[in-house]
């Protein structure tokens, strides 16, 4: 079933999330936290938050089962929560966006509202209700805030009318190379979508932010991506989903050009091993094997600038793959 309804369960956490919470020794505490902070509606603070945003991150599942992350944009005000249970999105997905195929009426959707210039964010999931080709509503199933850690501060501006699509064609690749590989190698930010089947066969989609030092995502020889997962709010939504269903999607943004790189494939959660031990600050690792790779030049009408002081203080406490590989190679001694 590709729809979604409100989830009425004793605990908001499913077995994948609980596995990781138990491993971290926080399952009992998070059971109480979850019942308090995961809501089936948007509180007033979040209803006031969404109209401020120039973009929203979207997670969807296409008819073939591929999971995609994408961004939809518009002038602030294109997102409106007229009541606690519905978020209206006045934006049409580009026909070249592979996530668009998963945004039909009744489809499950994940959304991330994130304000890069303040580090505020809110996540929600629910069901798409189409209002025509240029807009849709989301019936809220779950909504909750997230901590601001690892988000780099960025100010935004528009390079063109957000209703105007890019004039440059999308490009597809069999593996990461050239421009696409360079975008990954230099990234300090990505967005990741995942999905899971809940009770009664209902699909729940999630999309979230990940950040680190530039280059925190490593491209391995076989074309897989390897990234650290740092200490966070202990919800484990993304990794918990991937434990139960490995299909997921990554999106990288070139904040200077508006280019969008979208990948769909399978993830693997790594809970132990020398690479994990060598990467400073990593609690887990995530390996991602892309099956489909789409680069959409200038897909976004937005451009961002980040001041030198925009780096998150939390990111500065984390390691890098260069340091981790040197440690593994015995080039530096472990303290």
Protein backbone atom coordinates (compact mmCIF):
# COMPACT_ATOMS: atom_id res chain seq x y z
CA UNK A 1 0.00 0.00 0.00
CA UNK A 2 1.51 3.35 -0.98
CA UNK A 3 -0.67 5.57 1.16
CA UNK A 4 -0.40 6.58 4.77
CA UNK A 5 -2.70 7.39 7.65
CA UNK A 6 -2.21 8.68 11.16
CA UNK A 7 -0.26 6.21 13.23
CA UNK A 8 -1.93 5.34 16.54
CA UNK A 9 0.64 3.29 18.43
CA UNK A 10 1.71 3.08 22.07
CA UNK A 11 5.22 4.21 21.13
CA UNK A 12 6.17 6.22 18.04
CA UNK A 13 9.31 4.11 17.52
CA UNK A 14 9.39 1.03 15.31
CA UNK A 15 11.67 -1.98 15.77
CA UNK A 16 14.53 -0.59 13.68
CA UNK A 17 14.67 2.58 15.76
CA UNK A 18 14.36 0.57 18.97
CA UNK A 19 17.31 -1.66 18.03
CA UNK A 20 19.59 1.38 17.85
CA UNK A 21 18.10 3.01 20.94
CA UNK A 22 18.70 -0.18 22.92
CA UNK A 23 22.26 -0.37 21.62
CA UNK A 24 22.82 3.21 22.82
CA UNK A 25 21.25 2.39 26.19
CA UNK A 26 18.49 5.00 25.82
CA UNK A 27 15.40 2.98 24.86
CA UNK A 28 13.53 3.54 28.12
CA UNK A 29 14.25 7.27 28.16
CA UNK A 30 13.39 7.67 24.47
CA UNK A 31 10.08 5.88 24.95
CA UNK A 32 8.99 8.71 27.24
CA UNK A 33 10.55 11.39 25.03
CA UNK A 34 8.85 10.01 21.92
CA UNK A 35 5.39 10.06 23.44
CA UNK A 36 5.95 13.69 24.41
CA UNK A 37 7.58 15.19 21.30
CA UNK A 38 6.24 13.14 18.34
CA UNK A 39 2.81 14.59 17.62
CA UNK A 40 0.08 13.89 15.07
CA UNK A 41 -0.26 17.60 14.31
CA UNK A 42 1.71 20.80 13.84
CA UNK A 43 1.96 22.92 16.98
CA UNK A 44 1.59 26.69 16.63
CA UNK A 45 5.36 27.25 16.63
CA UNK A 46 5.77 24.99 13.61
CA UNK A 47 2.71 26.38 11.82
CA UNK A 48 4.37 29.81 12.09
CA UNK A 49 7.73 28.38 10.99
CA UNK A 50 6.88 26.90 7.58
CA UNK A 51 5.72 30.15 5.89
CA UNK A 52 9.20 31.61 6.55
CA UNK A 53 10.98 29.04 4.40
CA UNK A 54 12.16 29.41 0.76
CA UNK A 55 12.43 25.64 0.24
CA UNK A 56 11.40 22.33 1.72
CA UNK A 57 13.14 18.95 1.54
CA UNK A 58 10.94 16.12 0.28
CA UNK A 59 11.24 12.35 0.58
CA UNK A 60 9.17 10.10 -1.68
CA UNK A 61 8.98 6.56 -3.05
CA UNK A 62 8.44 6.16 -6.80
CA UNK A 63 6.20 3.45 -8.30
CA UNK A 64 9.20 1.10 -8.72
CA UNK A 65 10.03 1.34 -5.01
CA UNK A 66 13.04 3.64 -5.39
CA UNK A 67 13.39 6.19 -2.59
CA UNK A 68 14.30 9.77 -3.52
CA UNK A 69 15.13 13.00 -1.70
CA UNK A 70 14.55 16.34 -3.40
CA UNK A 71 13.98 20.04 -2.73
CA UNK A 72 10.96 22.14 -3.68
CA UNK A 73 11.27 25.91 -3.52
CA UNK A 74 9.19 29.05 -3.60
CA UNK A 75 8.98 32.55 -2.22
CA UNK A 76 8.48 32.50 1.57
CA UNK A 77 4.80 31.86 2.10
CA UNK A 78 4.57 29.01 -0.42
CA UNK A 79 4.21 26.72 2.61
CA UNK A 80 1.13 27.31 4.74
CA UNK A 81 -0.37 25.40 7.67
CA UNK A 82 -3.94 26.67 7.81
CA UNK A 83 -4.80 24.17 10.51
CA UNK A 84 -2.77 21.85 12.80
CA UNK A 85 -3.29 18.78 10.61
CA UNK A 86 -2.52 20.05 7.10
CA UNK A 87 0.45 21.67 5.39
CA UNK A 88 -0.18 23.23 1.97
CA UNK A 89 2.70 23.27 -0.54
CA UNK A 90 2.25 25.71 -3.44
CA UNK A 91 4.97 24.29 -5.68
CA UNK A 92 5.13 21.91 -8.59
CA UNK A 93 7.91 19.34 -8.88
CA UNK A 94 10.00 19.65 -12.04
CA UNK A 95 9.28 16.93 -14.61
CA UNK A 96 12.99 16.08 -14.51
CA UNK A 97 12.86 15.44 -10.76
CA UNK A 98 12.86 11.66 -10.12
CA UNK A 99 11.10 12.27 -6.79
CA UNK A 100 8.05 13.69 -8.58
CA UNK A 101 6.74 10.24 -9.54
CA UNK A 102 6.21 9.49 -5.84
CA UNK A 103 4.07 12.54 -5.11
CA UNK A 104 0.73 11.34 -6.44
CA UNK A 105 -2.53 11.61 -4.52
CA UNK A 106 -2.54 9.26 -1.53
CA UNK A 107 1.24 8.72 -1.55
CA UNK A 108 3.27 8.67 1.63
CA UNK A 109 5.66 11.60 1.96
CA UNK A 110 8.36 12.85 4.29
CA UNK A 111 9.15 16.55 4.69
CA UNK A 112 11.94 18.48 6.36
CA UNK A 113 11.53 22.17 6.99
CA UNK A 114 14.98 23.61 7.63
CA UNK A 115 16.04 27.25 7.95
CA UNK A 116 19.74 27.26 7.15
CA UNK A 117 20.35 30.82 8.36
CA UNK A 118 19.04 29.98 11.86
CA UNK A 119 19.55 26.18 12.10
CA UNK A 120 15.87 25.69 13.00
CA UNK A 121 14.18 22.57 11.62
CA UNK A 122 11.04 20.47 11.84
CA UNK A 123 10.29 17.07 10.35
CA UNK A 124 6.94 15.63 9.44
CA UNK A 125 5.50 12.73 7.51
CA UNK A 126 2.04 12.07 6.18
CA UNK A 127 -0.08 11.65 3.08
CA UNK A 128 -0.20 13.64 -0.15
CA UNK A 129 -3.53 15.17 -1.19
CA UNK A 130 -3.19 16.64 -4.68
CA UNK A 131 -4.72 20.05 -5.30
CA UNK A 132 -3.76 20.17 -8.98
CA UNK A 133 -0.42 20.17 -10.81
CA UNK A 134 0.89 23.28 -9.06
CA UNK A 135 0.10 22.45 -5.43
CA UNK A 136 -0.63 19.71 -2.93
CA UNK A 137 -1.46 19.32 0.73
CA UNK A 138 0.07 16.96 3.27
CA UNK A 139 -2.10 15.37 5.92
CA UNK A 140 0.15 15.22 8.95
CA UNK A 141 0.74 11.82 10.55
CA UNK A 142 3.80 12.71 12.64
CA UNK A 143 5.58 16.00 13.38
CA UNK A 144 8.59 16.67 15.59
CA UNK A 145 11.45 19.12 16.03
CA UNK A 146 15.14 18.30 15.62
CA UNK A 147 18.32 19.59 17.24
CA UNK A 148 20.39 22.16 15.29
CA UNK A 149 23.70 20.29 15.48
CA UNK A 150 25.91 19.96 12.36
CA UNK A 151 23.94 22.54 10.32
CA UNK A 152 26.12 25.12 8.55
CA UNK A 153 24.68 28.63 8.59
CA UNK A 154 23.82 29.89 5.09
CA UNK A 155 22.00 32.99 3.90
CA UNK A 156 19.85 32.71 0.76
CA UNK A 157 18.73 34.69 -2.26
CA UNK A 158 16.85 33.93 -5.48
CA UNK A 159 18.65 33.80 -8.83
CA UNK A 160 15.39 33.50 -10.79
CA UNK A 161 11.65 33.21 -10.33
CA UNK A 162 11.10 29.95 -8.39
CA UNK A 163 8.22 29.06 -10.73
CA UNK A 164 10.68 28.99 -13.65
CA UNK A 165 12.34 25.58 -14.13
CA UNK A 166 15.97 25.12 -15.07
CA UNK A 167 16.67 25.33 -18.77
CA UNK A 168 19.51 22.82 -18.53
CA UNK A 169 18.76 19.12 -19.09
CA UNK A 170 19.15 16.53 -16.36
CA UNK A 171 22.04 14.09 -16.68
CA UNK A 172 22.04 10.42 -15.67
CA UNK A 173 25.12 8.41 -14.72
CA UNK A 174 25.89 4.74 -14.16
CA UNK A 175 28.43 5.64 -11.47
CA UNK A 176 29.74 8.73 -9.73
CA UNK A 177 32.21 10.56 -11.91
CA UNK A 178 33.19 14.05 -13.04
CA UNK A 179 30.97 16.86 -11.80
CA UNK A 180 28.77 14.51 -9.77
CA UNK A 181 31.73 12.98 -7.93
CA UNK A 182 33.22 16.42 -7.24
CA UNK A 183 29.96 17.60 -5.70
CA UNK A 184 29.96 14.65 -3.28
CA UNK A 185 33.65 14.96 -2.46
CA UNK A 186 33.34 18.61 -1.45
CA UNK A 187 30.01 18.40 0.37
CA UNK A 188 29.50 19.43 4.00
CA UNK A 189 25.73 18.86 3.82
CA UNK A 190 23.36 16.25 2.41
CA UNK A 191 19.75 15.18 2.74
CA UNK A 192 18.68 11.55 3.01
CA UNK A 193 15.26 9.96 2.51
CA UNK A 194 14.20 6.55 3.79
CA UNK A 195 10.97 4.61 4.19
CA UNK A 196 9.49 1.78 6.22
CA UNK A 197 6.28 -0.22 6.31
CA UNK A 198 4.39 0.25 9.59
CA UNK A 199 1.46 -1.71 11.02
CA UNK A 200 -1.19 -2.66 8.50
CA UNK A 201 1.20 -2.21 5.59
CA UNK A 202 1.17 1.58 5.87
CA UNK A 203 4.25 3.27 4.45
CA UNK A 204 6.04 5.96 6.41
CA UNK A 205 8.62 8.15 4.65
CA UNK A 206 11.27 10.23 6.38
CA UNK A 207 13.79 12.78 5.13
CA UNK A 208 16.57 14.29 7.20
CA UNK A 209 19.72 16.42 7.20
CA UNK A 210 23.31 15.26 7.66
CA UNK A 211 26.31 17.54 8.05
CA UNK A 212 30.03 17.33 8.70
CA UNK A 213 33.37 18.72 7.63
CA UNK A 214 33.74 19.15 3.85
CA UNK A 215 34.50 15.69 2.48
CA UNK A 216 32.76 13.79 5.28
CA UNK A 217 31.22 11.53 2.62
CA UNK A 218 33.86 9.27 1.05
CA UNK A 219 33.53 7.75 -2.42
CA UNK A 220 34.86 4.17 -2.27
CA UNK A 221 36.54 2.35 -5.13
CA UNK A 222 33.36 0.50 -6.09
CA UNK A 223 31.36 3.75 -6.25
CA UNK A 224 29.69 3.32 -2.87
CA UNK A 225 29.47 6.22 -0.44
CA UNK A 226 30.65 5.91 3.16
CA UNK A 227 29.67 8.49 5.77
CA UNK A 228 29.88 8.83 9.55
CA UNK A 229 26.76 9.20 11.67
CA UNK A 230 27.39 11.49 14.63
CA UNK A 231 25.66 11.80 18.00
CA UNK A 232 22.22 13.35 17.58
CA UNK A 233 18.80 13.39 19.15
CA UNK A 234 18.76 9.57 19.53
CA UNK A 235 15.58 9.12 17.49
CA UNK A 236 17.45 7.04 14.85
CA UNK A 237 14.66 7.58 12.30
CA UNK A 238 16.90 7.31 9.25
CA UNK A 239 19.15 4.48 10.35
CA UNK A 240 16.25 2.62 11.97
CA UNK A 241 14.35 2.73 8.69
CA UNK A 242 17.38 1.46 6.79
CA UNK A 243 17.81 -1.45 9.21
CA UNK A 244 14.33 -2.62 8.20
CA UNK A 245 14.37 -1.53 4.53
CA UNK A 246 17.75 -0.62 2.97
CA UNK A 247 16.28 1.44 0.14
CA UNK A 248 17.09 5.12 0.55
CA UNK A 249 17.96 8.25 -1.41
CA UNK A 250 20.67 10.90 -1.06
CA UNK A 251 20.60 14.49 -2.32
CA UNK A 252 23.55 16.88 -2.50
CA UNK A 253 23.12 20.61 -3.18
CA UNK A 254 25.65 22.91 -4.79
CA UNK A 255 24.75 26.00 -2.79
CA UNK A 256 26.57 28.35 -5.18
CA UNK A 257 25.05 27.15 -8.47
CA UNK A 258 21.74 25.54 -7.47
CA UNK A 259 22.80 22.18 -8.95
CA UNK A 260 21.07 19.17 -7.38
CA UNK A 261 22.55 15.66 -7.33
CA UNK A 262 20.04 12.91 -6.53
CA UNK A 263 20.93 9.27 -5.90
CA UNK A 264 18.71 6.30 -5.14
CA UNK A 265 19.97 2.93 -3.93
CA UNK A 266 20.52 0.86 -0.81
CA UNK A 267 22.09 1.67 2.54
CA UNK A 268 23.89 -0.47 5.09
CA UNK A 269 24.24 0.52 8.76
CA UNK A 270 27.70 -0.33 10.14
CA UNK A 271 27.78 -0.70 13.92
CA UNK A 272 31.34 -1.88 14.47
CA UNK A 273 34.70 -2.22 12.74
CA UNK A 274 38.04 -0.44 12.34
CA UNK A 275 36.73 2.34 10.09
CA UNK A 276 34.10 3.28 12.66
CA UNK A 277 36.66 3.25 15.49
CA UNK A 278 39.04 5.43 13.49
CA UNK A 279 36.60 8.22 12.62
CA UNK A 280 36.48 10.81 15.38
CA UNK A 281 32.95 11.40 16.65
CA UNK A 282 31.25 8.68 14.59
CA UNK A 283 28.66 6.60 16.44
CA UNK A 284 27.79 4.53 13.39
CA UNK A 285 28.69 4.48 9.70
CA UNK A 286 26.34 4.36 6.74
CA UNK A 287 27.42 2.81 3.45
CA UNK A 288 25.25 3.70 0.46
CA UNK A 289 25.33 1.89 -2.88
CA UNK A 290 23.66 4.01 -5.57
CA UNK A 291 21.62 2.38 -8.32
CA UNK A 292 20.40 5.53 -10.05
CA UNK A 293 22.25 8.85 -10.24
CA UNK A 294 20.68 12.05 -11.59
CA UNK A 295 22.39 15.46 -11.79
CA UNK A 296 20.07 18.41 -12.41
CA UNK A 297 22.10 21.54 -13.22
CA UNK A 298 20.66 24.75 -11.76
CA UNK A 299 17.59 22.83 -10.61
CA UNK A 300 17.14 25.22 -7.68
CA UNK A 301 16.41 28.94 -8.12
CA UNK A 302 18.13 29.61 -4.78
CA UNK A 303 21.74 30.52 -4.10
CA UNK A 304 23.35 30.51 -0.66
CA UNK A 305 26.38 32.15 0.92
CA UNK A 306 28.00 31.01 4.15
CA UNK A 307 30.26 33.18 6.30
CA UNK A 308 33.45 31.59 7.67
CA UNK A 309 31.89 31.61 11.13
CA UNK A 310 28.89 29.69 9.79
CA UNK A 311 30.49 26.30 10.51
CA UNK A 312 28.67 24.49 13.29
CA UNK A 313 30.79 24.22 16.47
CA UNK A 314 29.70 20.58 16.68
CA UNK A 315 31.22 19.85 13.26
CA UNK A 316 34.59 21.14 14.46
CA UNK A 317 34.75 18.31 17.03
CA UNK A 318 34.42 15.60 14.37
CA UNK A 319 37.08 13.88 12.29
CA UNK A 320 37.70 13.43 8.59
CA UNK A 321 38.32 10.50 6.29
CA UNK A 322 41.86 11.74 5.71
CA UNK A 323 42.54 11.48 9.43
CA UNK A 324 40.75 8.16 9.75
CA UNK A 325 42.63 6.60 6.81
CA UNK A 326 45.94 7.85 8.16
CA UNK A 327 45.15 6.28 11.51
CA UNK A 328 44.19 2.99 9.89
CA UNK A 329 47.38 3.02 7.84
CA UNK A 330 49.44 3.50 10.97
CA UNK A 331 50.69 6.93 9.86
CA UNK A 332 49.68 8.47 13.17
CA UNK A 333 49.51 6.91 16.56
CA UNK A 334 46.20 6.62 18.39
CA UNK A 335 46.32 8.72 21.57
